[in-house]
Protein backbone atom coordinates (compact mmCIF):
# COMPACT_ATOMS: atom_id res chain seq x y z
CA UNK A 1 163.69 -68.93 132.16
CA UNK A 2 166.65 -66.83 131.08
CA UNK A 3 170.12 -68.04 131.90
CA UNK A 4 172.95 -65.59 132.48
CA UNK A 5 175.70 -67.85 131.21
CA UNK A 6 177.68 -67.42 128.04
CA UNK A 7 177.87 -71.18 127.61
CA UNK A 8 175.83 -73.45 129.84
CA UNK A 9 177.09 -76.89 128.87
CA UNK A 10 177.89 -79.28 131.70
CA UNK A 11 180.68 -81.78 131.20
CA UNK A 12 178.22 -84.65 131.53
CA UNK A 13 175.95 -83.29 128.81
CA UNK A 14 178.88 -82.57 126.52
CA UNK A 15 180.27 -86.06 127.06
CA UNK A 16 176.94 -87.52 126.00
CA UNK A 17 176.94 -85.26 122.96
CA UNK A 18 180.37 -86.52 121.98
CA UNK A 19 179.26 -90.12 122.21
CA UNK A 20 176.23 -89.40 120.07
CA UNK A 21 177.59 -86.98 117.51
CA UNK A 22 181.26 -87.71 117.08
CA UNK A 23 184.72 -86.44 117.89
CA UNK A 24 184.27 -82.87 116.68
CA UNK A 25 183.09 -81.99 120.19
CA UNK A 26 186.12 -83.52 121.87
CA UNK A 27 187.65 -80.19 122.77
CA UNK A 28 184.63 -79.31 124.90
CA UNK A 29 185.10 -82.50 126.92
CA UNK A 30 188.86 -82.05 127.18
CA UNK A 31 188.57 -78.48 128.45
CA UNK A 32 185.46 -79.27 130.55
CA UNK A 33 184.10 -75.87 131.66
CA UNK A 34 184.70 -72.47 130.06
CA UNK A 35 187.24 -70.36 131.94
CA UNK A 36 189.56 -67.38 131.58
CA UNK A 37 192.29 -69.52 130.02
CA UNK A 38 190.12 -69.92 126.94
CA UNK A 39 191.01 -66.38 125.90
CA UNK A 40 194.56 -67.61 125.26
CA UNK A 41 193.37 -70.74 123.46
CA UNK A 42 191.16 -68.97 120.94
CA UNK A 43 192.07 -66.73 118.04
CA UNK A 44 191.60 -63.08 118.98
CA UNK A 45 191.48 -59.53 117.68
CA UNK A 46 193.26 -56.95 119.81
CA UNK A 47 191.66 -53.78 121.16
CA UNK A 48 194.26 -51.24 122.20
CA UNK A 49 194.25 -49.12 125.33
CA UNK A 50 193.74 -45.40 124.76
CA UNK A 51 196.24 -42.55 125.04
CA UNK A 52 193.91 -40.32 127.03
CA UNK A 53 193.16 -42.66 129.93
CA UNK A 54 190.17 -41.87 132.11
CA UNK A 55 190.97 -42.25 135.80
CA UNK A 56 188.42 -42.60 138.57
CA UNK A 57 189.18 -40.87 141.85
CA UNK A 58 190.00 -43.09 144.83
CA UNK A 59 188.46 -42.82 148.29
CA UNK A 60 190.63 -42.57 151.40
CA UNK A 61 188.10 -44.78 153.23
CA UNK A 62 188.35 -48.57 152.92
CA UNK A 63 184.72 -49.44 152.19
CA UNK A 64 185.65 -53.10 151.89
CA UNK A 65 185.89 -53.10 155.69
CA UNK A 66 183.19 -50.51 156.42
CA UNK A 67 180.28 -52.10 154.59
CA UNK A 68 178.75 -55.14 156.31
CA UNK A 69 176.05 -57.58 155.29
CA UNK A 70 174.02 -60.48 156.60
CA UNK A 71 175.72 -63.55 155.14
CA UNK A 72 173.77 -66.81 154.79
CA UNK A 73 176.32 -68.58 152.60
CA UNK A 74 176.97 -71.33 155.16
CA UNK A 75 173.30 -71.38 156.26
CA UNK A 76 174.18 -69.64 159.55
CA UNK A 77 173.39 -65.94 159.62
CA UNK A 78 176.36 -63.75 160.43
CA UNK A 79 177.52 -60.28 159.57
CA UNK A 80 180.48 -60.16 157.23
CA UNK A 81 182.39 -57.29 155.68
CA UNK A 82 182.16 -56.70 151.97
CA UNK A 83 185.76 -57.84 151.61
CA UNK A 84 185.11 -61.13 153.42
CA UNK A 85 182.04 -61.89 151.32
CA UNK A 86 183.76 -61.01 148.06
CA UNK A 87 186.82 -63.06 148.95
CA UNK A 88 184.86 -66.15 150.00
CA UNK A 89 183.14 -66.57 146.61
CA UNK A 90 186.00 -67.14 144.16
CA UNK A 91 185.97 -63.52 143.08
CA UNK A 92 188.65 -62.44 140.63
CA UNK A 93 187.92 -58.71 140.71
CA UNK A 94 185.53 -56.41 142.54
CA UNK A 95 185.23 -52.68 141.89
CA UNK A 96 182.73 -50.38 143.63
CA UNK A 97 182.35 -46.85 142.27
CA UNK A 98 180.12 -43.99 143.39
CA UNK A 99 180.16 -40.48 141.93
CA UNK A 100 183.23 -41.40 139.86
CA UNK A 101 185.15 -42.38 143.00
CA UNK A 102 186.40 -45.89 143.66
CA UNK A 103 185.24 -46.84 147.15
CA UNK A 104 186.55 -50.40 147.03
CA UNK A 105 188.73 -52.21 144.50
CA UNK A 106 190.38 -55.56 145.09
CA UNK A 107 191.75 -58.50 143.10
CA UNK A 108 192.21 -62.06 144.25
CA UNK A 109 194.27 -65.14 143.48
CA UNK A 110 196.42 -64.51 140.40
CA UNK A 111 194.33 -61.61 139.12
CA UNK A 112 195.32 -57.93 139.18
CA UNK A 113 194.36 -54.53 137.74
CA UNK A 114 195.52 -55.42 134.22
CA UNK A 115 194.18 -59.00 134.08
CA UNK A 116 192.01 -59.73 131.07
CA UNK A 117 188.73 -61.00 132.48
CA UNK A 118 186.44 -62.84 130.09
CA UNK A 119 183.04 -61.18 129.76
CA UNK A 120 181.06 -64.31 128.92
CA UNK A 121 177.49 -63.04 128.40
CA UNK A 122 178.30 -59.51 129.56
CA UNK A 123 179.35 -59.18 125.91
CA UNK A 124 175.69 -59.40 124.87
CA UNK A 125 175.01 -55.99 126.41
CA UNK A 126 177.98 -54.53 124.53
CA UNK A 127 176.65 -55.92 121.25
CA UNK A 128 173.21 -54.48 122.00
CA UNK A 129 174.79 -51.06 122.57
CA UNK A 130 176.84 -51.30 119.37
CA UNK A 131 173.67 -52.13 117.46
CA UNK A 132 172.07 -49.00 118.90
CA UNK A 133 175.03 -46.93 117.74
CA UNK A 134 174.78 -48.45 114.26
CA UNK A 135 171.11 -47.40 114.18
CA UNK A 136 172.02 -43.91 115.45
CA UNK A 137 174.53 -43.60 112.61
CA UNK A 138 172.09 -44.76 109.95
CA UNK A 139 173.81 -48.02 109.06
CA UNK A 140 170.72 -49.90 110.22
CA UNK A 141 167.24 -48.50 109.67
CA UNK A 142 165.47 -50.14 112.60
CA UNK A 143 165.27 -53.25 114.76
CA UNK A 144 162.20 -54.26 112.77
CA UNK A 145 164.36 -55.26 109.81
CA UNK A 146 164.70 -58.93 108.98
CA UNK A 147 168.08 -60.54 109.56
CA UNK A 148 167.98 -61.82 105.97
CA UNK A 149 168.41 -58.23 104.77
CA UNK A 150 171.91 -58.41 106.20
CA UNK A 151 172.53 -62.16 105.97
CA UNK A 152 171.00 -63.21 102.65
CA UNK A 153 172.62 -66.63 103.10
CA UNK A 154 169.81 -67.44 105.53
CA UNK A 155 166.95 -66.77 103.08
CA UNK A 156 166.88 -70.43 102.13
CA UNK A 157 166.23 -71.48 105.71
CA UNK A 158 162.53 -71.92 106.41
CA UNK A 159 161.05 -69.09 108.46
CA UNK A 160 164.30 -67.14 108.90
CA UNK A 161 162.96 -64.20 106.88
CA UNK A 162 160.51 -63.65 109.76
CA UNK A 163 163.30 -63.16 112.32
CA UNK A 164 163.76 -59.47 113.09
CA UNK A 165 166.71 -57.82 114.79
CA UNK A 166 164.39 -57.14 117.73
CA UNK A 167 163.83 -60.88 118.10
CA UNK A 168 167.57 -61.48 118.34
CA UNK A 169 167.98 -58.68 120.89
CA UNK A 170 165.23 -60.06 123.12
CA UNK A 171 165.91 -63.75 122.52
CA UNK A 172 162.49 -64.32 120.97
CA UNK A 173 163.83 -65.46 117.61
CA UNK A 174 162.35 -68.96 117.78
CA UNK A 175 165.74 -70.55 117.09
CA UNK A 176 165.90 -74.13 118.31
CA UNK A 177 168.23 -74.40 121.28
CA UNK A 178 170.87 -77.11 121.28
CA UNK A 179 173.59 -77.79 123.85
CA UNK A 180 175.56 -79.46 121.09
CA UNK A 181 175.52 -76.31 118.96
CA UNK A 182 176.28 -74.17 122.01
CA UNK A 183 179.39 -76.21 122.66
CA UNK A 184 180.42 -76.08 119.01
CA UNK A 185 179.79 -72.34 118.86
CA UNK A 186 182.02 -71.71 121.87
CA UNK A 187 184.81 -74.23 121.30
CA UNK A 188 184.54 -74.61 117.52
CA UNK A 189 186.72 -72.89 114.93
CA UNK A 190 184.04 -71.98 112.39
CA UNK A 191 181.02 -69.89 113.42
CA UNK A 192 179.30 -70.26 110.06
CA UNK A 193 179.48 -74.02 110.35
CA UNK A 194 177.22 -73.69 113.39
CA UNK A 195 174.96 -71.07 111.78
CA UNK A 196 174.32 -73.42 108.89
CA UNK A 197 172.95 -76.01 111.32
CA UNK A 198 170.34 -73.65 112.79
CA UNK A 199 166.61 -74.36 112.60
CA UNK A 200 163.48 -72.83 114.13
CA UNK A 201 161.30 -74.66 116.63
CA UNK A 202 158.71 -71.89 117.06
CA UNK A 203 157.42 -68.77 115.34
CA UNK A 204 159.60 -65.69 116.02
CA UNK A 205 158.12 -63.24 118.52
CA UNK A 206 156.14 -65.79 120.55
CA UNK A 207 158.38 -66.78 123.46
CA UNK A 208 161.60 -65.70 125.09
CA UNK A 209 164.25 -68.42 125.03
CA UNK A 210 167.86 -67.54 125.75
CA UNK A 211 170.11 -68.59 122.89
CA UNK A 212 173.76 -67.58 122.36
CA UNK A 213 173.29 -67.65 118.62
CA UNK A 214 170.93 -64.67 118.80
CA UNK A 215 173.79 -62.37 119.78
CA UNK A 216 176.23 -64.13 117.46
CA UNK A 217 174.00 -63.28 114.52
CA UNK A 218 173.71 -59.66 115.71
CA UNK A 219 177.49 -59.39 115.70
CA UNK A 220 177.60 -60.42 112.06
CA UNK A 221 174.72 -58.04 111.25
CA UNK A 222 176.74 -55.16 112.72
CA UNK A 223 179.75 -56.12 110.63
CA UNK A 224 177.72 -56.37 107.43
CA UNK A 225 175.93 -53.06 108.08
CA UNK A 226 178.92 -50.95 109.17
CA UNK A 227 181.69 -52.59 107.19
CA UNK A 228 183.64 -53.04 110.43
CA UNK A 229 183.91 -56.12 112.62
CA UNK A 230 182.41 -55.74 116.08
CA UNK A 231 185.79 -55.48 117.83
CA UNK A 232 186.81 -52.64 115.51
CA UNK A 233 183.44 -50.95 115.94
CA UNK A 234 183.69 -51.32 119.72
CA UNK A 235 187.16 -49.82 119.68
CA UNK A 236 186.11 -46.89 117.51
CA UNK A 237 182.76 -46.05 119.11
CA UNK A 238 183.24 -46.91 122.80
CA UNK A 239 186.69 -48.15 123.85
CA UNK A 240 188.69 -45.23 122.45
CA UNK A 241 186.13 -42.73 123.74
CA UNK A 242 185.92 -43.80 127.39
CA UNK A 243 189.65 -43.77 128.14
CA UNK A 244 190.28 -47.50 128.42
CA UNK A 245 193.36 -48.08 130.55
CA UNK A 246 194.47 -51.53 129.43
CA UNK A 247 194.61 -53.45 126.15
CA UNK A 248 191.78 -55.90 125.55
CA UNK A 249 190.78 -58.41 122.90
CA UNK A 250 187.78 -60.25 121.49
CA UNK A 251 188.01 -64.00 120.87
CA UNK A 252 187.23 -65.17 117.33
CA UNK A 253 186.93 -68.29 115.24
CA UNK A 254 189.63 -69.21 112.72
CA UNK A 255 188.10 -66.80 110.20
CA UNK A 256 188.34 -63.86 112.61
CA UNK A 257 184.62 -63.71 113.25
CA UNK A 258 184.19 -62.57 116.84
CA UNK A 259 182.43 -64.85 119.30
CA UNK A 260 180.04 -61.97 119.82
CA UNK A 261 177.89 -63.74 122.41
CA UNK A 262 180.60 -64.21 124.99
CA UNK A 263 184.19 -63.35 124.59
CA UNK A 264 185.45 -59.86 125.27
CA UNK A 265 188.56 -60.04 127.45
CA UNK A 266 189.34 -56.85 129.36
CA UNK A 267 190.38 -55.32 132.68
CA UNK A 268 187.76 -54.82 135.38
CA UNK A 269 188.25 -51.05 135.53
CA UNK A 270 187.54 -50.77 131.80
CA UNK A 271 184.32 -52.76 132.18
CA UNK A 272 183.43 -50.17 134.83
CA UNK A 273 183.75 -47.43 132.22
CA UNK A 274 181.08 -49.14 130.14
CA UNK A 275 178.91 -49.06 133.26
CA UNK A 276 179.64 -45.35 133.67
CA UNK A 277 178.64 -44.72 130.06
CA UNK A 278 175.29 -46.39 130.65
CA UNK A 279 174.87 -44.65 134.01
CA UNK A 280 175.21 -41.32 132.21
CA UNK A 281 172.66 -42.32 129.56
CA UNK A 282 175.15 -42.78 126.76
CA UNK A 283 176.99 -39.52 127.40
CA UNK A 284 180.72 -39.44 128.11
CA UNK A 285 181.85 -36.11 129.50
CA UNK A 286 179.73 -34.12 127.06
CA UNK A 287 179.94 -36.41 124.03
CA UNK A 288 176.82 -38.46 123.28
CA UNK A 289 178.25 -41.85 122.28
CA UNK A 290 174.89 -43.64 122.38
CA UNK A 291 171.60 -41.83 121.84
CA UNK A 292 169.36 -41.35 124.85
CA UNK A 293 166.55 -42.74 122.71
CA UNK A 294 168.37 -46.07 122.44
CA UNK A 295 169.22 -46.08 126.14
CA UNK A 296 165.56 -45.47 127.00
CA UNK A 297 164.42 -48.25 124.67
CA UNK A 298 166.99 -50.67 126.08
CA UNK A 299 166.08 -50.10 129.72
CA UNK A 300 162.29 -50.05 129.31
CA UNK A 301 160.16 -53.05 130.25
CA UNK A 302 158.51 -54.55 127.21
CA UNK A 303 156.49 -57.76 127.36
CA UNK A 304 155.23 -57.60 123.79
CA UNK A 305 156.19 -60.13 121.13
CA UNK A 306 157.14 -62.79 123.65
CA UNK A 307 159.58 -60.71 125.67
CA UNK A 308 159.95 -61.07 129.45
CA UNK A 309 159.48 -58.53 132.22
CA UNK A 310 163.08 -58.34 133.43
CA UNK A 311 165.14 -58.74 130.27
CA UNK A 312 165.13 -56.29 127.37
CA UNK A 313 167.51 -55.74 124.48
CA UNK A 314 170.12 -57.96 126.14
CA UNK A 315 170.06 -56.09 129.48
CA UNK A 316 168.79 -57.41 132.81
CA UNK A 317 166.37 -54.97 134.42
CA UNK A 318 166.26 -54.75 138.21
CA UNK A 319 163.74 -53.45 140.74
CA UNK A 320 161.55 -50.41 140.22
CA UNK A 321 162.52 -48.82 143.53
CA UNK A 322 166.21 -48.96 142.59
CA UNK A 323 165.82 -48.43 138.85
CA UNK A 324 168.92 -50.60 138.52
CA UNK A 325 170.05 -52.67 135.56
CA UNK A 326 172.97 -54.91 134.72
CA UNK A 327 174.93 -56.97 132.23
CA UNK A 328 175.42 -60.52 133.52
CA UNK A 329 177.67 -63.37 132.42
CA UNK A 330 178.62 -66.91 133.36
CA UNK A 331 180.02 -67.42 136.88
CA UNK A 332 178.19 -64.31 138.10
CA UNK A 333 180.08 -61.72 136.11
CA UNK A 334 178.36 -58.38 136.62
CA UNK A 335 178.43 -54.84 135.40
CA UNK A 336 175.79 -53.42 137.74
CA UNK A 337 174.42 -49.88 137.44
CA UNK A 338 172.21 -48.00 139.92
CA UNK A 339 171.34 -44.46 138.79
CA UNK A 340 169.55 -43.85 142.11
CA UNK A 341 172.90 -43.50 143.90
CA UNK A 342 175.20 -42.97 140.90
CA UNK A 343 176.81 -46.37 141.53
CA UNK A 344 178.63 -48.80 139.24
CA UNK A 345 179.78 -52.20 140.49
CA UNK A 346 181.93 -54.67 138.57
CA UNK A 347 182.22 -58.20 139.91
CA UNK A 348 184.00 -60.98 138.02
CA UNK A 349 184.71 -64.44 139.37
CA UNK A 350 185.47 -68.06 138.66
CA UNK A 351 183.21 -71.09 138.76
CA UNK A 352 182.18 -72.29 142.22
CA UNK A 353 179.71 -74.80 143.64
CA UNK A 354 176.16 -73.97 142.58
CA UNK A 355 174.56 -73.73 146.04
CA UNK A 356 177.43 -71.68 147.43
CA UNK A 357 177.13 -69.34 144.48
CA UNK A 358 173.34 -69.03 144.63
CA UNK A 359 173.10 -68.43 148.40
CA UNK A 360 175.15 -65.27 148.18
CA UNK A 361 172.64 -63.52 145.88
CA UNK A 362 174.94 -60.90 144.35
CA UNK A 363 172.13 -58.58 143.29
CA UNK A 364 170.94 -58.53 146.92
CA UNK A 365 174.46 -57.62 148.02
CA UNK A 366 174.61 -54.86 145.41
CA UNK A 367 171.33 -53.39 146.63
CA UNK A 368 172.46 -53.54 150.24
CA UNK A 369 175.53 -51.60 149.14
CA UNK A 370 173.22 -49.06 147.53
CA UNK A 371 171.18 -48.84 150.73
CA UNK A 372 174.27 -48.26 152.88
CA UNK A 373 175.70 -45.60 150.62
């Protein structure tokens, strides 16, 4: 089963890892769970805001109070407003946009419009899109190429020449999953140190198994192919084009290799512009930033070569009747897109109790919003 987290390592598991493997994992135990503060702890590469800022219109109606939903969070059915539901689930930011108009935007606790919110695994969908752009521009021939064409260092590893870019995109690479390596990849200071520990536990293209390293390798592939690190490529090909309003950054290791699988840090409204780009099939006000061919391939269901029904090219695919899709990260971070109603929703939050988090069912809330609008 796919997990939506950027790093799913419980403190108990990490503690056991430390006892078994040594003190190099001590930081993971000390810091316990990933959170927004990590963006200040890690090295980072800045991504500047743009001069020509794109501004969404704002509705005169407060849809946070107008929209109401059946809320089973406390196991007793009641109708709650969108604002009440959003507020009761440790939400940091919530932005609802339809037809380029903000219907509801609110920030909670210490967060505000300019707060840098960590993407966690939402970053995987960005990396997928950047890979598509690199293919559009001819830097990469196709997703059928072996990763060893770009990372010859891996040729000596048994079976790695059989891993294609498509396997990394769909998490069917066959890489052996390890919570220890996940923790080291996130908290560690040297990405290549983790890459060198990788092994296969199955033939590529046989089974879908979510692995953060898949996207990490894609980030390095993009850098090798384009000659630009992924943060620079993001800035050039997307960020500067969509009128980003606030500065952002991408966390890196000590060698300035981006933690491609998890760690873009940006304002909620600028994540919404990525959603708008996808909503408009890669076109931004007349300029085709991502080819429609790549958009179509990314959002198509493909169960071949071990892939699953609802996850393709690092995007989560929704229900047929809504034709919706989304980027999802740890702690229920969402960039949700519904072309049916021209809607983009951004929801970012902090960690909360598992049952409380699961009972809300954010995708159900999003679809009820779609139904009411």
